[in-house]
Amino acid sequence: THLHQLHVVLFHRGQVPTRPRKKMPDRKPPLALPPRMQAVAQ
């Protein structure tokens, strides 16, 4: 959250180009399939 606030301020002053999006830890389990099925699904 602290880093996101810094990103927001720097974005609106024009110091960084990318619009900030808060990326909290991703808690969803990974997509886990057998390798051949995983490749098709991805």
All heavy atoms as atom14 arrays in JSON, in Angstrom:
{
  "sequence": "THLHQLHVVLFHRGQVPTRPRKKMPDRKPPLALPPRMQAVAQ",
  "atom14_mask": [
    [1, 1, 1, 1, 1, 1, 1, 0, 0, 0, 0, 0, 0, 0],
    [1, 1, 1, 1, 1, 1, 1, 1, 1, 1, 0, 0, 0, 0],
    [1, 1, 1, 1, 1, 1, 1, 1, 0, 0, 0, 0, 0, 0],
    [1, 1, 1, 1, 1, 1, 1, 1, 1, 1, 0, 0, 0, 0],
    [1, 1, 1, 1, 1, 1, 1, 1, 1, 0, 0, 0, 0, 0],
    [1, 1, 1, 1, 1, 1, 1, 1, 0, 0, 0, 0, 0, 0],
    [1, 1, 1, 1, 1, 1, 1, 1, 1, 1, 0, 0, 0, 0],
    [1, 1, 1, 1, 1, 1, 1, 0, 0, 0, 0, 0, 0, 0],
    [1, 1, 1, 1, 1, 1, 1, 0, 0, 0, 0, 0, 0, 0],
    [1, 1, 1, 1, 1, 1, 1, 1, 0, 0, 0, 0, 0, 0],
    [1, 1, 1, 1, 1, 1, 1, 1, 1, 1, 1, 0, 0, 0],
    [1, 1, 1, 1, 1, 1, 1, 1, 1, 1, 0, 0, 0, 0],
    [1, 1, 1, 1, 1, 1, 1, 1, 1, 1, 1, 0, 0, 0],
    [1, 1, 1, 1, 0, 0, 0, 0, 0, 0, 0, 0, 0, 0],
    [1, 1, 1, 1, 1, 1, 1, 1, 1, 0, 0, 0, 0, 0],
    [1, 1, 1, 1, 1, 1, 1, 0, 0, 0, 0, 0, 0, 0],
    [1, 1, 1, 1, 1, 1, 1, 0, 0, 0, 0, 0, 0, 0],
    [1, 1, 1, 1, 1, 1, 1, 0, 0, 0, 0, 0, 0, 0],
    [1, 1, 1, 1, 1, 1, 1, 1, 1, 1, 1, 0, 0, 0],
    [1, 1, 1, 1, 1, 1, 1, 0, 0, 0, 0, 0, 0, 0],
    [1, 1, 1, 1, 1, 1, 1, 1, 1, 1, 1, 0, 0, 0],
    [1, 1, 1, 1, 1, 1, 1, 1, 1, 0, 0, 0, 0, 0],
    [1, 1, 1, 1, 1, 1, 1, 1, 1, 0, 0, 0, 0, 0],
    [1, 1, 1, 1, 1, 1, 1, 1, 0, 0, 0, 0, 0, 0],
    [1, 1, 1, 1, 1, 1, 1, 0, 0, 0, 0, 0, 0, 0],
    [1, 1, 1, 1, 1, 1, 1, 1, 0, 0, 0, 0, 0, 0],
    [1, 1, 1, 1, 1, 1, 1, 1, 1, 1, 1, 0, 0, 0],
    [1, 1, 1, 1, 1, 1, 1, 1, 1, 0, 0, 0, 0, 0],
    [1, 1, 1, 1, 1, 1, 1, 0, 0, 0, 0, 0, 0, 0],
    [1, 1, 1, 1, 1, 1, 1, 0, 0, 0, 0, 0, 0, 0],
    [1, 1, 1, 1, 1, 1, 1, 1, 0, 0, 0, 0, 0, 0],
    [1, 1, 1, 1, 1, 0, 0, 0, 0, 0, 0, 0, 0, 0],
    [1, 1, 1, 1, 1, 1, 1, 1, 0, 0, 0, 0, 0, 0],
    [1, 1, 1, 1, 1, 1, 1, 0, 0, 0, 0, 0, 0, 0],
    [1, 1, 1, 1, 1, 1, 1, 0, 0, 0, 0, 0, 0, 0],
    [1, 1, 1, 1, 1, 1, 1, 1, 1, 1, 1, 0, 0, 0],
    [1, 1, 1, 1, 1, 1, 1, 1, 0, 0, 0, 0, 0, 0],
    [1, 1, 1, 1, 1, 1, 1, 1, 1, 0, 0, 0, 0, 0],
    [1, 1, 1, 1, 1, 0, 0, 0, 0, 0, 0, 0, 0, 0],
    [1, 1, 1, 1, 1, 1, 1, 0, 0, 0, 0, 0, 0, 0],
    [1, 1, 1, 1, 1, 0, 0, 0, 0, 0, 0, 0, 0, 0],
    [1, 1, 1, 1, 1, 1, 1, 1, 1, 0, 0, 0, 0, 0]
  ],
  "atom14_positions": [
    [[0.83, -1.21, 0.0], [0.0, 0.0, 0.0], [0.86, 1.26, 0.0], [0.58, 2.23, -0.72], [-0.93, 0.0, 1.23], [-1.78, -1.16, 1.18], [-1.79, 1.25, 1.25], [0.0, 0.0, 0.0], [0.0, 0.0, 0.0], [0.0, 0.0, 0.0], [0.0, 0.0, 0.0], [0.0, 0.0, 0.0], [0.0, 0.0, 0.0], [0.0, 0.0, 0.0]],
    [[1.93, 1.27, 0.8], [2.85, 2.43, 0.8], [3.44, 2.66, -0.58], [3.46, 3.8, -1.08], [3.99, 2.17, 1.8], [3.56, 2.25, 3.24], [2.36, 2.78, 3.63], [4.2, 1.84, 4.39], [2.25, 2.71, 4.95], [3.35, 2.14, 5.43], [0.0, 0.0, 0.0], [0.0, 0.0, 0.0], [0.0, 0.0, 0.0], [0.0, 0.0, 0.0]],
    [[3.93, 1.62, -1.2], [4.55, 1.75, -2.53], [3.52, 2.17, -3.58], [3.84, 2.91, -4.51], [5.22, 0.44, -2.93], [6.51, 0.12, -2.15], [6.89, -1.34, -2.3], [7.65, 1.01, -2.64], [0.0, 0.0, 0.0], [0.0, 0.0, 0.0], [0.0, 0.0, 0.0], [0.0, 0.0, 0.0], [0.0, 0.0, 0.0], [0.0, 0.0, 0.0]],
    [[2.3, 1.69, -3.42], [1.25, 2.09, -4.36], [0.95, 3.57, -4.23], [0.78, 4.27, -5.25], [-0.01, 1.27, -4.08], [-1.19, 1.69, -4.91], [-1.28, 1.42, -6.26], [-2.31, 2.39, -4.58], [-2.42, 1.92, -6.72], [-3.05, 2.51, -5.73], [0.0, 0.0, 0.0], [0.0, 0.0, 0.0], [0.0, 0.0, 0.0], [0.0, 0.0, 0.0]],
    [[0.89, 4.09, -3.01], [0.64, 5.52, -2.83], [1.75, 6.35, -3.46], [1.49, 7.38, -4.1], [0.52, 5.84, -1.34], [-0.77, 5.33, -0.71], [-0.94, 5.8, 0.72], [-0.3, 6.75, 1.15], [-1.8, 5.14, 1.48], [0.0, 0.0, 0.0], [0.0, 0.0, 0.0], [0.0, 0.0, 0.0], [0.0, 0.0, 0.0], [0.0, 0.0, 0.0]],
    [[2.99, 5.92, -3.29], [4.1, 6.62, -3.93], [3.94, 6.59, -5.45], [4.14, 7.61, -6.14], [5.43, 5.99, -3.52], [6.67, 6.54, -4.23], [6.9, 8.0, -3.87], [7.9, 5.7, -3.91], [0.0, 0.0, 0.0], [0.0, 0.0, 0.0], [0.0, 0.0, 0.0], [0.0, 0.0, 0.0], [0.0, 0.0, 0.0], [0.0, 0.0, 0.0]],
    [[3.56, 5.44, -5.98], [3.37, 5.29, -7.44], [2.27, 6.24, -7.92], [2.4, 6.89, -8.97], [3.02, 3.84, -7.75], [3.15, 3.49, -9.21], [3.08, 2.21, -9.69], [3.33, 4.28, -10.3], [3.22, 2.22, -10.99], [3.37, 3.46, -11.39], [0.0, 0.0, 0.0], [0.0, 0.0, 0.0], [0.0, 0.0, 0.0], [0.0, 0.0, 0.0]],
    [[1.18, 6.34, -7.18], [0.07, 7.22, -7.56], [0.54, 8.67, -7.63], [0.26, 9.39, -8.61], [-1.09, 7.07, -6.56], [-2.13, 8.18, -6.78], [-1.76, 5.71, -6.7], [0.0, 0.0, 0.0], [0.0, 0.0, 0.0], [0.0, 0.0, 0.0], [0.0, 0.0, 0.0], [0.0, 0.0, 0.0], [0.0, 0.0, 0.0], [0.0, 0.0, 0.0]],
    [[1.26, 9.13, -6.62], [1.71, 10.53, -6.59], [2.68, 10.8, -7.73], [2.58, 11.82, -8.43], [2.35, 10.84, -5.22], [2.97, 12.24, -5.24], [1.33, 10.74, -4.11], [0.0, 0.0, 0.0], [0.0, 0.0, 0.0], [0.0, 0.0, 0.0], [0.0, 0.0, 0.0], [0.0, 0.0, 0.0], [0.0, 0.0, 0.0], [0.0, 0.0, 0.0]],
    [[3.62, 9.88, -7.95], [4.6, 10.09, -9.03], [3.93, 10.04, -10.39], [4.35, 10.75, -11.32], [5.7, 9.03, -8.94], [6.58, 9.08, -7.69], [7.7, 8.05, -7.78], [7.16, 10.47, -7.47], [0.0, 0.0, 0.0], [0.0, 0.0, 0.0], [0.0, 0.0, 0.0], [0.0, 0.0, 0.0], [0.0, 0.0, 0.0], [0.0, 0.0, 0.0]],
    [[2.88, 9.23, -10.54], [2.17, 9.16, -11.82], [1.47, 10.48, -12.11], [1.53, 11.01, -13.22], [1.15, 8.02, -11.79], [0.21, 8.01, -12.96], [0.62, 7.53, -14.19], [-1.09, 8.51, -12.84], [-0.24, 7.54, -15.28], [-1.95, 8.52, -13.92], [-1.52, 8.03, -15.15], [0.0, 0.0, 0.0], [0.0, 0.0, 0.0], [0.0, 0.0, 0.0]],
    [[0.8, 11.04, -11.12], [0.04, 12.26, -11.35], [0.93, 13.5, -11.45], [0.47, 14.52, -11.97], [-1.02, 12.43, -10.27], [-2.19, 11.51, -10.43], [-3.15, 11.68, -11.39], [-2.54, 10.37, -9.77], [-4.05, 10.72, -11.33], [-3.7, 9.9, -10.35], [0.0, 0.0, 0.0], [0.0, 0.0, 0.0], [0.0, 0.0, 0.0], [0.0, 0.0, 0.0]],
    [[2.15, 13.42, -10.99], [3.08, 14.53, -11.24], [3.82, 14.34, -12.57], [4.61, 15.19, -12.96], [4.08, 14.69, -10.1], [5.02, 13.53, -9.95], [6.32, 13.9, -9.22], [6.17, 14.59, -7.96], [7.2, 14.82, -7.14], [8.43, 14.38, -7.48], [7.03, 15.45, -6.01], [0.0, 0.0, 0.0], [0.0, 0.0, 0.0], [0.0, 0.0, 0.0]],
    [[3.54, 13.2, -13.26], [4.13, 12.93, -14.56], [5.52, 12.33, -14.51], [6.22, 12.29, -15.52], [0.0, 0.0, 0.0], [0.0, 0.0, 0.0], [0.0, 0.0, 0.0], [0.0, 0.0, 0.0], [0.0, 0.0, 0.0], [0.0, 0.0, 0.0], [0.0, 0.0, 0.0], [0.0, 0.0, 0.0], [0.0, 0.0, 0.0], [0.0, 0.0, 0.0]],
    [[5.91, 11.81, -13.36], [7.27, 11.29, -13.19], [7.39, 9.84, -13.66], [8.48, 9.41, -14.06], [7.68, 11.41, -11.72], [9.15, 11.14, -11.45], [9.54, 11.58, -10.05], [9.06, 12.59, -9.54], [10.42, 10.82, -9.41], [0.0, 0.0, 0.0], [0.0, 0.0, 0.0], [0.0, 0.0, 0.0], [0.0, 0.0, 0.0], [0.0, 0.0, 0.0]],
    [[6.3, 9.09, -13.58], [6.3, 7.71, -14.08], [5.18, 7.59, -15.11], [4.14, 8.25, -14.99], [6.1, 6.68, -12.94], [7.24, 6.75, -11.96], [4.78, 6.89, -12.24], [0.0, 0.0, 0.0], [0.0, 0.0, 0.0], [0.0, 0.0, 0.0], [0.0, 0.0, 0.0], [0.0, 0.0, 0.0], [0.0, 0.0, 0.0], [0.0, 0.0, 0.0]],
    [[5.36, 6.77, -16.15], [4.4, 6.76, -17.26], [3.19, 5.85, -17.06], [2.14, 6.08, -17.64], [5.24, 6.26, -18.44], [6.27, 5.37, -17.8], [6.57, 5.98, -16.46], [0.0, 0.0, 0.0], [0.0, 0.0, 0.0], [0.0, 0.0, 0.0], [0.0, 0.0, 0.0], [0.0, 0.0, 0.0], [0.0, 0.0, 0.0], [0.0, 0.0, 0.0]],
    [[3.33, 4.81, -16.26], [2.3, 3.78, -16.18], [1.3, 4.08, -15.09], [1.69, 4.43, -13.97], [2.93, 2.4, -15.93], [3.92, 2.16, -16.93], [1.88, 1.29, -15.99], [0.0, 0.0, 0.0], [0.0, 0.0, 0.0], [0.0, 0.0, 0.0], [0.0, 0.0, 0.0], [0.0, 0.0, 0.0], [0.0, 0.0, 0.0], [0.0, 0.0, 0.0]],
    [[0.02, 3.92, -15.42], [-1.04, 4.11, -14.45], [-0.91, 3.08, -13.33], [-0.81, 1.88, -13.59], [-2.39, 3.95, -15.14], [-3.6, 4.03, -14.22], [-4.85, 3.87, -15.06], [-6.04, 3.7, -14.25], [-7.25, 3.51, -14.75], [-7.4, 3.46, -16.08], [-8.29, 3.37, -13.96], [0.0, 0.0, 0.0], [0.0, 0.0, 0.0], [0.0, 0.0, 0.0]],
    [[-0.89, 3.52, -12.07], [-0.66, 2.57, -10.97], [-1.84, 1.65, -10.74], [-3.0, 2.07, -10.78], [-0.45, 3.48, -9.75], [-1.15, 4.75, -10.11], [-1.04, 4.9, -11.59], [0.0, 0.0, 0.0], [0.0, 0.0, 0.0], [0.0, 0.0, 0.0], [0.0, 0.0, 0.0], [0.0, 0.0, 0.0], [0.0, 0.0, 0.0], [0.0, 0.0, 0.0]],
    [[-1.55, 0.4, -10.51], [-2.57, -0.59, -10.15], [-2.06, -1.35, -8.94], [-0.97, -1.92, -8.97], [-2.84, -1.55, -11.31], [-3.38, -0.85, -12.55], [-3.72, -1.85, -13.64], [-4.17, -1.2, -14.83], [-5.43, -0.81, -15.05], [-6.34, -1.0, -14.11], [-5.78, -0.22, -16.18], [0.0, 0.0, 0.0], [0.0, 0.0, 0.0], [0.0, 0.0, 0.0]],
    [[-2.84, -1.34, -7.93], [-2.42, -1.97, -6.68], [-2.4, -3.48, -6.85], [-3.43, -4.1, -7.13], [-3.37, -1.57, -5.55], [-2.86, -1.91, -4.16], [-3.78, -1.33, -3.11], [-3.28, -1.61, -1.71], [-4.16, -1.01, -0.69], [0.0, 0.0, 0.0], [0.0, 0.0, 0.0], [0.0, 0.0, 0.0], [0.0, 0.0, 0.0], [0.0, 0.0, 0.0]],
    [[-1.25, -4.08, -6.67], [-1.1, -5.53, -6.84], [-0.87, -6.17, -5.47], [0.24, -6.21, -4.97], [0.08, -5.84, -7.77], [-0.1, -5.3, -9.18], [1.09, -5.63, -10.05], [0.91, -5.09, -11.47], [2.1, -5.39, -12.33], [0.0, 0.0, 0.0], [0.0, 0.0, 0.0], [0.0, 0.0, 0.0], [0.0, 0.0, 0.0], [0.0, 0.0, 0.0]],
    [[-1.95, -6.61, -4.91], [-1.85, -7.31, -3.64], [-1.44, -8.75, -3.89], [-1.52, -9.25, -5.02], [-3.19, -7.26, -2.9], [-3.64, -5.86, -2.56], [-2.41, -4.91, -1.64], [-2.35, -5.83, -0.11], [0.0, 0.0, 0.0], [0.0, 0.0, 0.0], [0.0, 0.0, 0.0], [0.0, 0.0, 0.0], [0.0, 0.0, 0.0], [0.0, 0.0, 0.0]],
    [[-0.98, -9.46, -2.87], [-0.58, -10.86, -3.07], [-1.7, -11.69, -3.68], [-2.85, -11.61, -3.28], [-0.27, -11.32, -1.63], [0.05, -10.07, -0.89], [-0.79, -9.0, -1.48], [0.0, 0.0, 0.0], [0.0, 0.0, 0.0], [0.0, 0.0, 0.0], [0.0, 0.0, 0.0], [0.0, 0.0, 0.0], [0.0, 0.0, 0.0], [0.0, 0.0, 0.0]],
    [[-1.35, -12.45, -4.73], [-2.31, -13.31, -5.42], [-2.48, -14.6, -4.64], [-1.55, -15.4, -4.55], [-1.8, -13.61, -6.83], [-2.87, -14.27, -7.68], [-3.96, -14.54, -7.14], [-2.62, -14.52, -8.87], [0.0, 0.0, 0.0], [0.0, 0.0, 0.0], [0.0, 0.0, 0.0], [0.0, 0.0, 0.0], [0.0, 0.0, 0.0], [0.0, 0.0, 0.0]],
    [[-3.66, -14.79, -4.06], [-3.87, -15.94, -3.2], [-4.55, -17.1, -3.91], [-4.81, -18.12, -3.3], [-4.72, -15.52, -1.99], [-4.05, -14.44, -1.15], [-4.85, -14.09, 0.07], [-4.2, -13.02, 0.84], [-4.66, -12.54, 1.98], [-5.79, -12.99, 2.48], [-4.02, -11.58, 2.62], [0.0, 0.0, 0.0], [0.0, 0.0, 0.0], [0.0, 0.0, 0.0]],
    [[-4.91, -16.94, -5.18], [-5.56, -18.05, -5.86], [-4.52, -19.13, -6.16], [-3.36, -18.83, -6.47], [-6.22, -17.57, -7.14], [-5.26, -17.12, -8.23], [-6.01, -16.66, -9.47], [-5.03, -16.22, -10.56], [-5.73, -15.75, -11.76], [0.0, 0.0, 0.0], [0.0, 0.0, 0.0], [0.0, 0.0, 0.0], [0.0, 0.0, 0.0], [0.0, 0.0, 0.0]],
    [[-4.92, -20.39, -6.08], [-3.96, -21.47, -6.36], [-3.55, -21.46, -7.83], [-4.32, -21.03, -8.69], [-4.76, -22.74, -6.01], [-6.19, -22.34, -6.11], [-6.24, -20.9, -5.71], [0.0, 0.0, 0.0], [0.0, 0.0, 0.0], [0.0, 0.0, 0.0], [0.0, 0.0, 0.0], [0.0, 0.0, 0.0], [0.0, 0.0, 0.0], [0.0, 0.0, 0.0]],
    [[-2.36, -21.88, -8.12], [-1.91, -21.87, -9.52], [-2.64, -22.91, -10.34], [-3.18, -23.89, -9.83], [-0.41, -22.2, -9.4], [-0.3, -22.99, -8.13], [-1.34, -22.43, -7.2], [0.0, 0.0, 0.0], [0.0, 0.0, 0.0], [0.0, 0.0, 0.0], [0.0, 0.0, 0.0], [0.0, 0.0, 0.0], [0.0, 0.0, 0.0], [0.0, 0.0, 0.0]],
    [[-2.65, -22.68, -11.65], [-3.22, -23.66, -12.58], [-2.24, -24.82, -12.69], [-1.14, -24.67, -13.23], [-3.45, -23.01, -13.94], [-4.12, -23.86, -15.02], [-5.54, -24.23, -14.59], [-4.16, -23.11, -16.35], [0.0, 0.0, 0.0], [0.0, 0.0, 0.0], [0.0, 0.0, 0.0], [0.0, 0.0, 0.0], [0.0, 0.0, 0.0], [0.0, 0.0, 0.0]],
    [[-2.61, -25.98, -12.14], [-1.7, -27.12, -12.08], [-2.32, -28.29, -12.84], [-3.25, -28.94, -12.37], [-1.44, -27.52, -10.63], [0.0, 0.0, 0.0], [0.0, 0.0, 0.0], [0.0, 0.0, 0.0], [0.0, 0.0, 0.0], [0.0, 0.0, 0.0], [0.0, 0.0, 0.0], [0.0, 0.0, 0.0], [0.0, 0.0, 0.0], [0.0, 0.0, 0.0]],
    [[-1.82, -28.54, -14.05], [-2.27, -29.65, -14.89], [-1.04, -30.44, -15.33], [0.1, -29.97, -15.22], [-3.0, -29.1, -16.13], [-4.32, -28.36, -15.9], [-4.74, -27.64, -17.17], [-5.4, -29.33, -15.46], [0.0, 0.0, 0.0], [0.0, 0.0, 0.0], [0.0, 0.0, 0.0], [0.0, 0.0, 0.0], [0.0, 0.0, 0.0], [0.0, 0.0, 0.0]],
    [[-1.23, -31.65, -15.83], [-0.11, -32.36, -16.46], [0.52, -31.49, -17.54], [-0.19, -30.69, -18.19], [-0.76, -33.62, -17.04], [-1.94, -33.86, -16.15], [-2.45, -32.49, -15.78], [0.0, 0.0, 0.0], [0.0, 0.0, 0.0], [0.0, 0.0, 0.0], [0.0, 0.0, 0.0], [0.0, 0.0, 0.0], [0.0, 0.0, 0.0], [0.0, 0.0, 0.0]],
    [[1.83, -31.58, -17.75], [2.53, -30.64, -18.63], [1.88, -30.43, -19.99], [1.75, -29.28, -20.45], [3.93, -31.26, -18.75], [4.1, -32.04, -17.49], [2.75, -32.56, -17.13], [0.0, 0.0, 0.0], [0.0, 0.0, 0.0], [0.0, 0.0, 0.0], [0.0, 0.0, 0.0], [0.0, 0.0, 0.0], [0.0, 0.0, 0.0], [0.0, 0.0, 0.0]],
    [[1.46, -31.5, -20.66], [0.87, -31.34, -21.99], [-0.47, -30.61, -21.93], [-0.77, -29.74, -22.77], [0.7, -32.71, -22.66], [2.03, -33.36, -23.02], [1.86, -34.84, -23.36], [0.96, -35.05, -24.49], [0.6, -36.26, -24.92], [1.08, -37.35, -24.32], [-0.23, -36.38, -25.94], [0.0, 0.0, 0.0], [0.0, 0.0, 0.0], [0.0, 0.0, 0.0]],
    [[-1.27, -30.91, -20.93], [-2.55, -30.23, -20.77], [-2.34, -28.78, -20.33], [-3.06, -27.87, -20.76], [-3.41, -30.97, -19.75], [-3.74, -32.4, -20.14], [-4.72, -33.28, -18.9], [-6.3, -32.46, -19.08], [0.0, 0.0, 0.0], [0.0, 0.0, 0.0], [0.0, 0.0, 0.0], [0.0, 0.0, 0.0], [0.0, 0.0, 0.0], [0.0, 0.0, 0.0]],
    [[-1.33, -28.56, -19.5], [-1.01, -27.21, -19.04], [-0.63, -26.31, -20.21], [-1.05, -25.15, -20.28], [0.13, -27.27, -18.02], [0.55, -25.92, -17.47], [-0.17, -25.58, -16.18], [-1.09, -26.28, -15.8], [0.22, -24.5, -15.54], [0.0, 0.0, 0.0], [0.0, 0.0, 0.0], [0.0, 0.0, 0.0], [0.0, 0.0, 0.0], [0.0, 0.0, 0.0]],
    [[0.17, -26.83, -21.13], [0.61, -26.03, -22.27], [-0.57, -25.6, -23.13], [-0.65, -24.44, -23.57], [1.6, -26.84, -23.11], [0.0, 0.0, 0.0], [0.0, 0.0, 0.0], [0.0, 0.0, 0.0], [0.0, 0.0, 0.0], [0.0, 0.0, 0.0], [0.0, 0.0, 0.0], [0.0, 0.0, 0.0], [0.0, 0.0, 0.0], [0.0, 0.0, 0.0]],
    [[-1.51, -26.5, -23.37], [-2.69, -26.16, -24.17], [-3.54, -25.12, -23.45], [-3.99, -24.13, -24.04], [-3.52, -27.43, -24.47], [-4.85, -27.06, -25.11], [-2.74, -28.37, -25.36], [0.0, 0.0, 0.0], [0.0, 0.0, 0.0], [0.0, 0.0, 0.0], [0.0, 0.0, 0.0], [0.0, 0.0, 0.0], [0.0, 0.0, 0.0], [0.0, 0.0, 0.0]],
    [[-3.77, -25.35, -22.15], [-4.61, -24.43, -21.39], [-4.0, -23.03, -21.32], [-4.71, -22.03, -21.5], [-4.85, -24.98, -19.98], [0.0, 0.0, 0.0], [0.0, 0.0, 0.0], [0.0, 0.0, 0.0], [0.0, 0.0, 0.0], [0.0, 0.0, 0.0], [0.0, 0.0, 0.0], [0.0, 0.0, 0.0], [0.0, 0.0, 0.0], [0.0, 0.0, 0.0]],
    [[-2.71, -22.94, -21.09], [-2.06, -21.63, -21.0], [-2.09, -20.9, -22.34], [-2.31, -19.68, -22.4], [-0.61, -21.8, -20.53], [-0.45, -22.31, -19.11], [-0.8, -21.26, -18.07], [-1.44, -20.27, -18.37], [-0.4, -21.5, -16.83], [0.0, 0.0, 0.0], [0.0, 0.0, 0.0], [0.0, 0.0, 0.0], [0.0, 0.0, 0.0], [0.0, 0.0, 0.0]]
  ]
}
